[in-house]
Amino acid sequence: MRLSSLLVLALLFPAGAVAQAPPLNCGAKIFIASMPDDLDGYIRAEFIKQKVPLTIVMDKTAAAFIMTGANKEVPSHWYQGGVSDLNTGDITILDAHGNFVWAATAGDRNIWWGDLAKHGPEKVAGRIVDKLKKSIPQPCGK
């Protein structure tokens, strides 16, 4: 009885029938919400610097996607030897209907250069945007 019930359910609800959020594609419009420690400003700057093929819009209603996130300063201790993250950040991208599309986290740790390397929300934003850019299908035809 159980096997036949499972078979009926599998036929009624195939795996592909679940509604999925649209993927991030070249030229898609994205709204970047305000974030702590001005992480949103650093992310916008990184979009330009890294030439991310998405269009930033300043009107939330005009966007196909909405990015939200947070940045957190992590206390540093002498016994960590300068190789731990001083800042961490995370972002989430939702479509206009609130469906999950993409997320990432990053820290600002630099094993090779330690405290001499750039760190803080700017470094976190650069790493997150790099991950985002790599997740967008390439090449973009323009």
N, C-alpha and C. Protein backbone atom coordinates (compact mmCIF):
# COMPACT_ATOMS: atom_id res chain seq x y z
N MET A 1 0.82 -1.19 0.00
CA MET A 1 0.00 0.00 0.00
C MET A 1 0.86 1.26 0.00
N ARG A 2 1.93 1.29 0.80
CA ARG A 2 2.78 2.46 0.88
C ARG A 2 3.47 2.74 -0.44
N LEU A 3 3.97 1.73 -1.08
CA LEU A 3 4.68 1.91 -2.35
C LEU A 3 3.76 2.49 -3.41
N SER A 4 2.53 2.01 -3.47
CA SER A 4 1.60 2.55 -4.46
C SER A 4 1.23 4.00 -4.13
N SER A 5 1.12 4.34 -2.86
CA SER A 5 0.84 5.73 -2.47
C SER A 5 1.97 6.65 -2.88
N LEU A 6 3.19 6.20 -2.66
CA LEU A 6 4.36 7.00 -3.05
C LEU A 6 4.43 7.17 -4.56
N LEU A 7 4.09 6.13 -5.29
CA LEU A 7 4.10 6.20 -6.74
C LEU A 7 3.05 7.19 -7.25
N VAL A 8 1.87 7.18 -6.67
CA VAL A 8 0.82 8.12 -7.05
C VAL A 8 1.26 9.56 -6.75
N LEU A 9 1.86 9.79 -5.59
CA LEU A 9 2.35 11.13 -5.24
C LEU A 9 3.44 11.59 -6.19
N ALA A 10 4.33 10.69 -6.57
CA ALA A 10 5.41 11.04 -7.50
C ALA A 10 4.85 11.43 -8.86
N LEU A 11 3.78 10.78 -9.27
CA LEU A 11 3.17 11.10 -10.56
C LEU A 11 2.38 12.41 -10.51
N LEU A 12 1.75 12.68 -9.36
CA LEU A 12 0.97 13.91 -9.22
C LEU A 12 1.83 15.15 -9.04
N PHE A 13 2.97 14.99 -8.37
CA PHE A 13 3.84 16.13 -8.07
C PHE A 13 5.26 15.85 -8.55
N PRO A 14 5.50 15.92 -9.85
CA PRO A 14 6.86 15.67 -10.34
C PRO A 14 7.81 16.75 -9.82
N ALA A 15 9.09 16.41 -9.71
CA ALA A 15 10.09 17.31 -9.15
C ALA A 15 10.17 18.62 -9.91
N GLY A 16 9.96 18.62 -11.20
CA GLY A 16 10.06 19.83 -12.00
C GLY A 16 8.86 20.74 -11.88
N ALA A 17 7.82 20.31 -11.21
CA ALA A 17 6.60 21.10 -11.13
C ALA A 17 6.67 22.17 -10.04
N VAL A 18 7.69 22.13 -9.20
CA VAL A 18 7.83 23.11 -8.14
C VAL A 18 8.20 24.45 -8.75
N ALA A 19 7.52 25.52 -8.35
CA ALA A 19 7.80 26.85 -8.89
C ALA A 19 9.19 27.29 -8.45
N GLN A 20 9.97 27.77 -9.40
CA GLN A 20 11.32 28.21 -9.11
C GLN A 20 11.46 29.68 -9.43
N ALA A 21 12.31 30.36 -8.68
CA ALA A 21 12.59 31.76 -8.94
C ALA A 21 13.40 31.87 -10.22
N PRO A 22 13.23 32.94 -10.98
CA PRO A 22 14.00 33.11 -12.20
C PRO A 22 15.48 33.29 -11.88
N PRO A 23 16.36 32.81 -12.73
CA PRO A 23 17.79 32.95 -12.47
C PRO A 23 18.25 34.39 -12.74
N LEU A 24 19.37 34.72 -12.16
CA LEU A 24 19.98 36.03 -12.43
C LEU A 24 20.63 35.96 -13.81
N ASN A 25 20.17 36.77 -14.73
CA ASN A 25 20.73 36.80 -16.07
C ASN A 25 21.27 38.19 -16.38
N CYS A 26 22.08 38.28 -17.39
CA CYS A 26 22.68 39.54 -17.81
C CYS A 26 21.59 40.60 -18.02
N GLY A 27 21.84 41.78 -17.51
CA GLY A 27 20.93 42.90 -17.70
C GLY A 27 19.75 42.95 -16.76
N ALA A 28 19.59 41.96 -15.89
CA ALA A 28 18.47 41.96 -14.95
C ALA A 28 18.58 43.17 -14.02
N LYS A 29 17.43 43.72 -13.65
CA LYS A 29 17.40 44.90 -12.77
C LYS A 29 17.38 44.45 -11.32
N ILE A 30 18.29 45.04 -10.53
CA ILE A 30 18.41 44.67 -9.12
C ILE A 30 18.41 45.92 -8.24
N PHE A 31 17.67 45.83 -7.14
CA PHE A 31 17.63 46.90 -6.15
C PHE A 31 18.47 46.44 -4.96
N ILE A 32 19.40 47.29 -4.50
CA ILE A 32 20.25 46.95 -3.37
C ILE A 32 19.76 47.74 -2.16
N ALA A 33 19.18 47.05 -1.20
CA ALA A 33 18.61 47.69 -0.01
C ALA A 33 19.71 48.21 0.90
N SER A 34 19.36 49.15 1.75
CA SER A 34 20.29 49.72 2.72
C SER A 34 20.76 48.62 3.68
N MET A 35 22.08 48.63 3.98
CA MET A 35 22.67 47.61 4.85
C MET A 35 23.56 48.28 5.90
N PRO A 36 23.78 47.61 7.03
CA PRO A 36 24.64 48.17 8.07
C PRO A 36 26.06 48.44 7.58
N ASP A 37 26.72 49.41 8.19
CA ASP A 37 28.10 49.79 7.87
C ASP A 37 28.29 50.17 6.41
N ASP A 38 27.23 50.66 5.77
CA ASP A 38 27.29 51.08 4.36
C ASP A 38 27.75 49.97 3.42
N LEU A 39 27.46 48.73 3.78
CA LEU A 39 27.83 47.61 2.91
C LEU A 39 27.18 47.76 1.54
N ASP A 40 25.97 48.30 1.48
CA ASP A 40 25.28 48.48 0.20
C ASP A 40 26.05 49.43 -0.72
N GLY A 41 26.63 50.48 -0.17
CA GLY A 41 27.43 51.40 -0.98
C GLY A 41 28.68 50.74 -1.54
N TYR A 42 29.33 49.94 -0.72
CA TYR A 42 30.51 49.21 -1.18
C TYR A 42 30.12 48.19 -2.26
N ILE A 43 28.96 47.56 -2.10
CA ILE A 43 28.51 46.60 -3.11
C ILE A 43 28.23 47.30 -4.42
N ARG A 44 27.57 48.46 -4.39
CA ARG A 44 27.32 49.21 -5.63
C ARG A 44 28.64 49.57 -6.31
N ALA A 45 29.61 50.02 -5.54
CA ALA A 45 30.92 50.38 -6.10
C ALA A 45 31.59 49.15 -6.71
N GLU A 46 31.47 48.02 -6.06
CA GLU A 46 32.07 46.78 -6.59
C GLU A 46 31.38 46.32 -7.87
N PHE A 47 30.08 46.58 -8.00
CA PHE A 47 29.36 46.25 -9.24
C PHE A 47 30.04 46.97 -10.41
N ILE A 48 30.37 48.25 -10.21
CA ILE A 48 31.02 49.04 -11.26
C ILE A 48 32.44 48.55 -11.49
N LYS A 49 33.19 48.41 -10.40
CA LYS A 49 34.60 48.00 -10.47
C LYS A 49 34.77 46.65 -11.16
N GLN A 50 33.89 45.69 -10.82
CA GLN A 50 34.01 44.34 -11.37
C GLN A 50 33.16 44.13 -12.63
N LYS A 51 32.49 45.17 -13.07
CA LYS A 51 31.67 45.13 -14.29
C LYS A 51 30.65 43.99 -14.25
N VAL A 52 29.87 43.96 -13.17
CA VAL A 52 28.82 42.95 -13.02
C VAL A 52 27.72 43.25 -14.04
N PRO A 53 27.31 42.25 -14.83
CA PRO A 53 26.33 42.50 -15.90
C PRO A 53 24.87 42.57 -15.43
N LEU A 54 24.64 43.23 -14.29
CA LEU A 54 23.29 43.47 -13.81
C LEU A 54 23.09 44.98 -13.77
N THR A 55 21.84 45.42 -13.85
CA THR A 55 21.52 46.85 -13.82
C THR A 55 20.99 47.21 -12.44
N ILE A 56 21.71 48.10 -11.76
CA ILE A 56 21.26 48.56 -10.45
C ILE A 56 20.20 49.63 -10.65
N VAL A 57 19.05 49.46 -9.98
CA VAL A 57 17.99 50.47 -10.02
C VAL A 57 17.80 51.00 -8.60
N MET A 58 17.42 52.26 -8.51
CA MET A 58 17.24 52.88 -7.20
C MET A 58 15.77 52.87 -6.75
N ASP A 59 14.90 52.37 -7.61
CA ASP A 59 13.47 52.26 -7.30
C ASP A 59 13.14 50.78 -7.12
N LYS A 60 12.77 50.41 -5.93
CA LYS A 60 12.49 49.00 -5.61
C LYS A 60 11.40 48.41 -6.50
N THR A 61 10.41 49.22 -6.88
CA THR A 61 9.30 48.71 -7.69
C THR A 61 9.72 48.41 -9.13
N ALA A 62 10.85 48.98 -9.57
CA ALA A 62 11.32 48.75 -10.94
C ALA A 62 12.25 47.54 -11.03
N ALA A 63 12.57 46.94 -9.90
CA ALA A 63 13.54 45.85 -9.87
C ALA A 63 12.91 44.48 -10.03
N ALA A 64 13.62 43.59 -10.71
CA ALA A 64 13.22 42.19 -10.81
C ALA A 64 13.75 41.41 -9.61
N PHE A 65 14.84 41.94 -9.00
CA PHE A 65 15.49 41.27 -7.87
C PHE A 65 15.80 42.30 -6.78
N ILE A 66 15.80 41.82 -5.53
CA ILE A 66 16.09 42.68 -4.39
C ILE A 66 17.19 42.02 -3.56
N MET A 67 18.25 42.81 -3.30
CA MET A 67 19.37 42.31 -2.49
C MET A 67 19.29 42.93 -1.10
N THR A 68 19.35 42.09 -0.10
CA THR A 68 19.41 42.53 1.30
C THR A 68 20.62 41.88 1.93
N GLY A 69 21.07 42.43 3.04
CA GLY A 69 22.23 41.82 3.66
C GLY A 69 22.63 42.51 4.94
N ALA A 70 23.74 42.04 5.50
CA ALA A 70 24.26 42.57 6.75
C ALA A 70 25.76 42.42 6.78
N ASN A 71 26.38 43.28 7.57
CA ASN A 71 27.81 43.22 7.81
C ASN A 71 27.99 43.18 9.32
N LYS A 72 28.94 42.40 9.79
CA LYS A 72 29.16 42.27 11.22
C LYS A 72 30.64 42.37 11.52
N GLU A 73 30.98 43.24 12.44
CA GLU A 73 32.36 43.35 12.88
C GLU A 73 32.61 42.29 13.95
N VAL A 74 33.70 41.55 13.78
CA VAL A 74 34.02 40.46 14.69
C VAL A 74 35.19 40.90 15.57
N PRO A 75 35.09 40.72 16.88
CA PRO A 75 36.20 41.12 17.74
C PRO A 75 37.45 40.30 17.45
N SER A 76 38.59 40.99 17.48
CA SER A 76 39.87 40.34 17.22
C SER A 76 40.59 40.10 18.55
N HIS A 77 41.25 38.97 18.64
CA HIS A 77 42.00 38.63 19.85
C HIS A 77 43.45 38.37 19.48
N TRP A 78 44.35 38.72 20.36
CA TRP A 78 45.77 38.60 20.08
C TRP A 78 46.19 37.16 19.77
N TYR A 79 45.52 36.19 20.38
CA TYR A 79 45.90 34.79 20.20
C TYR A 79 45.47 34.21 18.85
N GLN A 80 44.71 34.97 18.06
CA GLN A 80 44.31 34.49 16.74
C GLN A 80 45.39 34.75 15.68
N GLY A 81 46.40 35.52 16.03
CA GLY A 81 47.53 35.73 15.14
C GLY A 81 47.24 36.56 13.90
N GLY A 82 46.17 37.32 13.89
CA GLY A 82 45.86 38.18 12.75
C GLY A 82 45.31 37.46 11.54
N VAL A 83 44.89 36.20 11.68
CA VAL A 83 44.38 35.46 10.52
C VAL A 83 42.90 35.14 10.63
N SER A 84 42.19 35.86 11.47
CA SER A 84 40.75 35.65 11.55
C SER A 84 40.03 36.83 10.91
N ASP A 85 38.78 36.62 10.51
CA ASP A 85 37.99 37.69 9.92
C ASP A 85 37.72 38.78 10.95
N LEU A 86 37.91 40.04 10.53
CA LEU A 86 37.53 41.17 11.37
C LEU A 86 36.12 41.63 11.04
N ASN A 87 35.68 41.33 9.81
CA ASN A 87 34.34 41.65 9.35
C ASN A 87 33.81 40.47 8.55
N THR A 88 32.53 40.19 8.70
CA THR A 88 31.88 39.19 7.88
C THR A 88 30.60 39.81 7.33
N GLY A 89 30.17 39.34 6.20
CA GLY A 89 28.95 39.86 5.61
C GLY A 89 28.19 38.75 4.92
N ASP A 90 26.90 38.98 4.77
CA ASP A 90 26.08 38.04 4.02
C ASP A 90 25.03 38.81 3.24
N ILE A 91 24.68 38.29 2.10
CA ILE A 91 23.61 38.89 1.30
C ILE A 91 22.66 37.80 0.85
N THR A 92 21.44 38.22 0.58
CA THR A 92 20.41 37.35 0.04
C THR A 92 19.75 38.10 -1.10
N ILE A 93 19.49 37.40 -2.19
CA ILE A 93 18.79 38.00 -3.32
C ILE A 93 17.46 37.27 -3.47
N LEU A 94 16.39 38.07 -3.51
CA LEU A 94 15.04 37.56 -3.70
C LEU A 94 14.49 38.12 -5.00
N ASP A 95 13.55 37.40 -5.61
CA ASP A 95 12.89 37.98 -6.78
C ASP A 95 11.81 38.94 -6.30
N ALA A 96 11.14 39.60 -7.21
CA ALA A 96 10.14 40.62 -6.85
C ALA A 96 8.97 40.05 -6.06
N HIS A 97 8.77 38.73 -6.09
CA HIS A 97 7.67 38.09 -5.37
C HIS A 97 8.12 37.56 -4.01
N GLY A 98 9.39 37.76 -3.66
CA GLY A 98 9.91 37.31 -2.38
C GLY A 98 10.47 35.91 -2.38
N ASN A 99 10.63 35.30 -3.56
CA ASN A 99 11.20 33.96 -3.64
C ASN A 99 12.72 34.03 -3.59
N PHE A 100 13.32 33.10 -2.88
CA PHE A 100 14.78 33.04 -2.76
C PHE A 100 15.42 32.75 -4.12
N VAL A 101 16.49 33.49 -4.44
CA VAL A 101 17.20 33.30 -5.69
C VAL A 101 18.66 32.91 -5.46
N TRP A 102 19.34 33.65 -4.57
CA TRP A 102 20.78 33.44 -4.40
C TRP A 102 21.23 34.03 -3.07
N ALA A 103 22.30 33.48 -2.49
CA ALA A 103 22.86 34.03 -1.25
C ALA A 103 24.34 33.73 -1.18
N ALA A 104 25.06 34.54 -0.41
CA ALA A 104 26.49 34.32 -0.22
C ALA A 104 26.95 34.96 1.07
N THR A 105 28.06 34.46 1.58
CA THR A 105 28.71 35.06 2.74
C THR A 105 30.18 35.24 2.41
N ALA A 106 30.82 36.15 3.11
CA ALA A 106 32.26 36.35 2.92
C ALA A 106 32.84 37.02 4.14
N GLY A 107 34.13 36.86 4.30
CA GLY A 107 34.86 37.52 5.37
C GLY A 107 35.99 38.34 4.75
N ASP A 108 36.73 39.04 5.58
CA ASP A 108 37.79 39.89 5.06
C ASP A 108 39.19 39.37 5.40
N ARG A 109 39.30 38.17 5.88
CA ARG A 109 40.59 37.61 6.28
C ARG A 109 41.54 37.49 5.09
N ASN A 110 42.81 37.78 5.34
CA ASN A 110 43.84 37.59 4.34
C ASN A 110 44.99 36.86 5.01
N ILE A 111 45.17 35.60 4.68
CA ILE A 111 46.18 34.77 5.33
C ILE A 111 47.59 35.27 5.04
N TRP A 112 47.84 35.70 3.81
CA TRP A 112 49.20 36.09 3.42
C TRP A 112 49.63 37.45 3.96
N TRP A 113 48.74 38.44 3.93
CA TRP A 113 49.14 39.79 4.30
C TRP A 113 48.64 40.22 5.67
N GLY A 114 47.75 39.45 6.29
CA GLY A 114 47.28 39.76 7.64
C GLY A 114 46.71 41.17 7.76
N ASP A 115 47.18 41.92 8.75
CA ASP A 115 46.67 43.26 9.01
C ASP A 115 47.13 44.29 7.97
N LEU A 116 48.11 43.95 7.14
CA LEU A 116 48.57 44.88 6.11
C LEU A 116 47.59 44.97 4.93
N ALA A 117 46.76 43.95 4.77
CA ALA A 117 45.82 43.91 3.65
C ALA A 117 44.58 44.76 3.95
N LYS A 118 43.92 45.19 2.88
CA LYS A 118 42.66 45.92 3.03
C LYS A 118 41.65 45.00 3.71
N HIS A 119 40.89 45.56 4.65
CA HIS A 119 39.87 44.76 5.31
C HIS A 119 38.67 45.64 5.61
N GLY A 120 37.65 45.05 6.20
CA GLY A 120 36.44 45.78 6.51
C GLY A 120 35.33 45.50 5.51
N PRO A 121 34.25 46.29 5.58
CA PRO A 121 33.10 46.06 4.70
C PRO A 121 33.45 46.14 3.21
N GLU A 122 34.44 46.96 2.87
CA GLU A 122 34.85 47.07 1.47
C GLU A 122 35.39 45.74 0.94
N LYS A 123 36.21 45.07 1.72
CA LYS A 123 36.78 43.78 1.32
C LYS A 123 35.67 42.71 1.25
N VAL A 124 34.77 42.73 2.22
CA VAL A 124 33.64 41.79 2.25
C VAL A 124 32.80 41.98 0.99
N ALA A 125 32.48 43.24 0.66
CA ALA A 125 31.67 43.52 -0.53
C ALA A 125 32.35 43.01 -1.79
N GLY A 126 33.65 43.23 -1.91
CA GLY A 126 34.38 42.75 -3.08
C GLY A 126 34.30 41.25 -3.26
N ARG A 127 34.41 40.53 -2.18
CA ARG A 127 34.36 39.06 -2.24
C ARG A 127 32.94 38.57 -2.57
N ILE A 128 31.93 39.21 -1.99
CA ILE A 128 30.56 38.80 -2.27
C ILE A 128 30.20 39.07 -3.73
N VAL A 129 30.56 40.25 -4.22
CA VAL A 129 30.25 40.61 -5.60
C VAL A 129 31.00 39.70 -6.58
N ASP A 130 32.22 39.32 -6.24
CA ASP A 130 32.96 38.38 -7.08
C ASP A 130 32.21 37.04 -7.19
N LYS A 131 31.69 36.55 -6.08
CA LYS A 131 30.91 35.31 -6.09
C LYS A 131 29.64 35.48 -6.93
N LEU A 132 28.99 36.63 -6.78
CA LEU A 132 27.77 36.89 -7.54
C LEU A 132 28.06 36.93 -9.03
N LYS A 133 29.10 37.62 -9.42
CA LYS A 133 29.45 37.74 -10.84
C LYS A 133 29.71 36.36 -11.45
N LYS A 134 30.39 35.50 -10.70
CA LYS A 134 30.70 34.16 -11.19
C LYS A 134 29.45 33.28 -11.33
N SER A 135 28.36 33.63 -10.62
CA SER A 135 27.14 32.83 -10.68
C SER A 135 26.23 33.22 -11.85
N ILE A 136 26.53 34.33 -12.52
CA ILE A 136 25.72 34.79 -13.64
C ILE A 136 26.19 34.10 -14.90
N PRO A 137 25.29 33.46 -15.65
CA PRO A 137 25.70 32.76 -16.88
C PRO A 137 26.41 33.71 -17.84
N GLN A 138 27.53 33.26 -18.35
CA GLN A 138 28.32 34.06 -19.30
C GLN A 138 28.42 33.29 -20.61
N PRO A 139 28.70 33.88 -21.72
CA PRO A 139 28.93 35.30 -21.95
C PRO A 139 27.61 36.05 -22.09
N CYS A 140 27.71 37.33 -21.84
CA CYS A 140 26.55 38.21 -21.99
C CYS A 140 26.61 38.85 -23.38
N GLY A 141 25.58 38.64 -24.15
CA GLY A 141 25.56 39.22 -25.49
C GLY A 141 25.03 40.65 -25.45
N LYS A 142 25.83 41.56 -25.94
CA LYS A 142 25.40 42.97 -25.98
C LYS A 142 25.67 43.54 -27.33
